[in-house]
Amino acid sequence: MKIRGDLVDILVEVSPETYSNYVVQEKGQSVSYVQMLKALYGMMVSSLPYYKKFHKNIKSVGFKINPYDMRGQ
């Protein structure tokens, strides 16, 4: 995973001895590449089925969906 910008700067500020050796500059922006754990990826993937079920449930009880929110359709 690629972490960019302000988050990288915050990580380095909080713990420079841990993160500063892993920061590079790309197009004038601080960048750090990290290896993801499978558990974190799984949590991100599992949120879509939850959102779709939530969307379906609120529609079934009469809520109207914002037309700009097309993810659940």
N, C-alpha and C. Protein backbone atom coordinates (compact mmCIF):
# COMPACT_ATOMS: atom_id res chain seq x y z
N MET A 1 0.84 -1.16 0.00
CA MET A 1 0.00 0.00 0.00
C MET A 1 0.89 1.23 0.00
N LYS A 2 0.42 2.23 -0.68
CA LYS A 2 1.18 3.48 -0.78
C LYS A 2 0.52 4.53 0.10
N ILE A 3 1.28 5.05 1.07
CA ILE A 3 0.79 6.12 1.94
C ILE A 3 1.45 7.41 1.46
N ARG A 4 0.63 8.46 1.29
CA ARG A 4 1.16 9.70 0.72
C ARG A 4 0.84 10.91 1.57
N GLY A 5 1.63 11.95 1.37
CA GLY A 5 1.32 13.28 1.87
C GLY A 5 1.35 13.46 3.37
N ASP A 6 0.31 14.12 3.89
CA ASP A 6 0.27 14.53 5.28
C ASP A 6 0.37 13.36 6.26
N LEU A 7 -0.24 12.23 5.92
CA LEU A 7 -0.18 11.08 6.82
C LEU A 7 1.26 10.61 7.02
N VAL A 8 2.04 10.59 5.97
CA VAL A 8 3.45 10.20 6.08
C VAL A 8 4.18 11.19 6.98
N ASP A 9 3.92 12.47 6.78
CA ASP A 9 4.58 13.50 7.60
C ASP A 9 4.21 13.35 9.08
N ILE A 10 2.96 13.02 9.35
CA ILE A 10 2.52 12.82 10.74
C ILE A 10 3.22 11.61 11.35
N LEU A 11 3.30 10.52 10.59
CA LEU A 11 3.98 9.32 11.10
C LEU A 11 5.43 9.60 11.44
N VAL A 12 6.11 10.33 10.58
CA VAL A 12 7.51 10.68 10.83
C VAL A 12 7.64 11.60 12.03
N GLU A 13 6.71 12.52 12.19
CA GLU A 13 6.75 13.44 13.33
C GLU A 13 6.52 12.70 14.65
N VAL A 14 5.62 11.72 14.63
CA VAL A 14 5.31 10.96 15.84
C VAL A 14 6.46 10.03 16.23
N SER A 15 7.04 9.37 15.24
CA SER A 15 8.09 8.40 15.53
C SER A 15 9.15 8.40 14.43
N PRO A 16 10.02 9.41 14.43
CA PRO A 16 11.01 9.52 13.36
C PRO A 16 11.97 8.33 13.29
N GLU A 17 12.30 7.75 14.44
CA GLU A 17 13.24 6.62 14.43
C GLU A 17 12.64 5.39 13.74
N THR A 18 11.33 5.30 13.69
CA THR A 18 10.67 4.16 13.06
C THR A 18 10.41 4.40 11.58
N TYR A 19 9.95 5.59 11.21
CA TYR A 19 9.43 5.81 9.86
C TYR A 19 10.33 6.57 8.91
N SER A 20 11.23 7.40 9.41
CA SER A 20 11.97 8.30 8.52
C SER A 20 12.84 7.56 7.49
N ASN A 21 13.31 6.37 7.82
CA ASN A 21 14.15 5.63 6.86
C ASN A 21 13.35 5.05 5.70
N TYR A 22 12.03 5.08 5.79
CA TYR A 22 11.19 4.46 4.76
C TYR A 22 10.39 5.46 3.95
N VAL A 23 10.78 6.72 4.02
CA VAL A 23 10.06 7.78 3.30
C VAL A 23 10.90 8.22 2.10
N VAL A 24 10.23 8.34 0.96
CA VAL A 24 10.86 8.86 -0.25
C VAL A 24 10.03 10.03 -0.76
N GLN A 25 10.62 10.83 -1.61
CA GLN A 25 9.92 11.96 -2.22
C GLN A 25 9.56 11.59 -3.65
N GLU A 26 8.30 11.73 -4.00
CA GLU A 26 7.83 11.51 -5.37
C GLU A 26 7.01 12.72 -5.78
N LYS A 27 7.46 13.41 -6.81
CA LYS A 27 6.78 14.60 -7.31
C LYS A 27 6.54 15.62 -6.20
N GLY A 28 7.54 15.78 -5.32
CA GLY A 28 7.46 16.75 -4.25
C GLY A 28 6.57 16.36 -3.08
N GLN A 29 6.15 15.10 -3.03
CA GLN A 29 5.27 14.63 -1.97
C GLN A 29 5.94 13.48 -1.22
N SER A 30 5.78 13.46 0.10
CA SER A 30 6.32 12.36 0.91
C SER A 30 5.50 11.10 0.66
N VAL A 31 6.21 9.97 0.45
CA VAL A 31 5.56 8.70 0.15
C VAL A 31 6.24 7.60 0.94
N SER A 32 5.43 6.68 1.45
CA SER A 32 5.95 5.50 2.12
C SER A 32 5.18 4.29 1.62
N TYR A 33 5.88 3.24 1.27
CA TYR A 33 5.24 2.00 0.83
C TYR A 33 5.26 1.01 2.00
N VAL A 34 4.11 0.41 2.28
CA VAL A 34 4.00 -0.54 3.37
C VAL A 34 3.37 -1.82 2.88
N GLN A 35 3.66 -2.91 3.56
CA GLN A 35 3.06 -4.19 3.23
C GLN A 35 1.81 -4.37 4.09
N MET A 36 0.70 -4.68 3.45
CA MET A 36 -0.56 -4.83 4.17
C MET A 36 -0.68 -6.22 4.77
N LEU A 37 -1.38 -6.30 5.88
CA LEU A 37 -1.73 -7.58 6.48
C LEU A 37 -3.03 -8.07 5.85
N LYS A 38 -3.17 -9.35 5.70
CA LYS A 38 -4.38 -9.88 5.09
C LYS A 38 -5.63 -9.48 5.87
N ALA A 39 -5.54 -9.42 7.19
CA ALA A 39 -6.70 -9.09 8.01
C ALA A 39 -7.22 -7.70 7.68
N LEU A 40 -6.35 -6.74 7.45
CA LEU A 40 -6.79 -5.40 7.12
C LEU A 40 -7.47 -5.39 5.76
N TYR A 41 -6.92 -6.09 4.80
CA TYR A 41 -7.54 -6.17 3.48
C TYR A 41 -8.92 -6.80 3.60
N GLY A 42 -9.04 -7.85 4.38
CA GLY A 42 -10.33 -8.51 4.57
C GLY A 42 -11.37 -7.58 5.17
N MET A 43 -10.97 -6.74 6.09
CA MET A 43 -11.90 -5.79 6.69
C MET A 43 -12.40 -4.79 5.66
N MET A 44 -11.52 -4.36 4.77
CA MET A 44 -11.92 -3.41 3.74
C MET A 44 -12.89 -4.05 2.76
N VAL A 45 -12.63 -5.29 2.39
CA VAL A 45 -13.48 -5.99 1.43
C VAL A 45 -14.85 -6.31 2.05
N SER A 46 -14.88 -6.65 3.32
CA SER A 46 -16.14 -7.04 3.96
C SER A 46 -17.09 -5.86 4.14
N SER A 47 -16.63 -4.64 4.05
CA SER A 47 -17.51 -3.50 4.25
C SER A 47 -18.51 -3.33 3.10
N LEU A 48 -18.18 -3.77 1.90
CA LEU A 48 -19.10 -3.61 0.77
C LEU A 48 -20.36 -4.45 0.94
N PRO A 49 -20.27 -5.74 1.28
CA PRO A 49 -21.52 -6.49 1.51
C PRO A 49 -22.37 -5.89 2.63
N TYR A 50 -21.73 -5.40 3.68
CA TYR A 50 -22.48 -4.76 4.77
C TYR A 50 -23.22 -3.54 4.23
N TYR A 51 -22.53 -2.70 3.47
CA TYR A 51 -23.15 -1.49 2.94
C TYR A 51 -24.32 -1.84 2.04
N LYS A 52 -24.16 -2.83 1.19
CA LYS A 52 -25.25 -3.22 0.29
C LYS A 52 -26.47 -3.71 1.07
N LYS A 53 -26.24 -4.50 2.12
CA LYS A 53 -27.36 -4.98 2.94
C LYS A 53 -28.03 -3.82 3.66
N PHE A 54 -27.24 -2.92 4.24
CA PHE A 54 -27.77 -1.74 4.93
C PHE A 54 -28.61 -0.90 3.97
N HIS A 55 -28.11 -0.67 2.78
CA HIS A 55 -28.79 0.12 1.76
C HIS A 55 -30.14 -0.51 1.43
N LYS A 56 -30.14 -1.81 1.22
CA LYS A 56 -31.38 -2.54 0.90
C LYS A 56 -32.38 -2.44 2.05
N ASN A 57 -31.90 -2.59 3.28
CA ASN A 57 -32.79 -2.55 4.44
C ASN A 57 -33.42 -1.17 4.65
N ILE A 58 -32.66 -0.11 4.52
CA ILE A 58 -33.25 1.21 4.75
C ILE A 58 -34.22 1.58 3.63
N LYS A 59 -33.95 1.12 2.41
CA LYS A 59 -34.91 1.35 1.33
C LYS A 59 -36.22 0.61 1.60
N SER A 60 -36.12 -0.59 2.17
CA SER A 60 -37.31 -1.40 2.40
C SER A 60 -38.25 -0.80 3.46
N VAL A 61 -37.73 0.07 4.32
CA VAL A 61 -38.58 0.69 5.33
C VAL A 61 -38.98 2.12 4.95
N GLY A 62 -38.70 2.51 3.70
CA GLY A 62 -39.21 3.77 3.20
C GLY A 62 -38.24 4.92 3.06
N PHE A 63 -36.99 4.74 3.42
CA PHE A 63 -36.03 5.83 3.25
C PHE A 63 -35.72 6.02 1.77
N LYS A 64 -35.49 7.25 1.39
CA LYS A 64 -35.10 7.55 0.01
C LYS A 64 -33.58 7.70 -0.03
N ILE A 65 -32.99 7.14 -1.06
CA ILE A 65 -31.54 7.16 -1.22
C ILE A 65 -31.15 8.42 -2.00
N ASN A 66 -30.10 9.06 -1.55
CA ASN A 66 -29.55 10.22 -2.24
C ASN A 66 -29.16 9.79 -3.66
N PRO A 67 -29.63 10.49 -4.70
CA PRO A 67 -29.31 10.07 -6.08
C PRO A 67 -27.81 10.14 -6.40
N TYR A 68 -27.06 10.88 -5.61
CA TYR A 68 -25.61 10.97 -5.84
C TYR A 68 -24.87 9.77 -5.26
N ASP A 69 -25.55 9.00 -4.44
CA ASP A 69 -24.93 7.83 -3.82
C ASP A 69 -25.30 6.58 -4.62
N MET A 70 -24.48 6.22 -5.57
CA MET A 70 -24.79 5.12 -6.47
C MET A 70 -24.14 3.81 -6.05
N ARG A 71 -23.39 3.79 -4.96
CA ARG A 71 -22.66 2.58 -4.55
C ARG A 71 -23.59 1.41 -4.26
N GLY A 72 -24.73 1.65 -3.68
CA GLY A 72 -25.60 0.56 -3.25
C GLY A 72 -26.55 0.06 -4.30
N GLN A 73 -26.46 0.57 -5.50
CA GLN A 73 -27.45 0.20 -6.52
C GLN A 73 -26.89 -0.72 -7.57
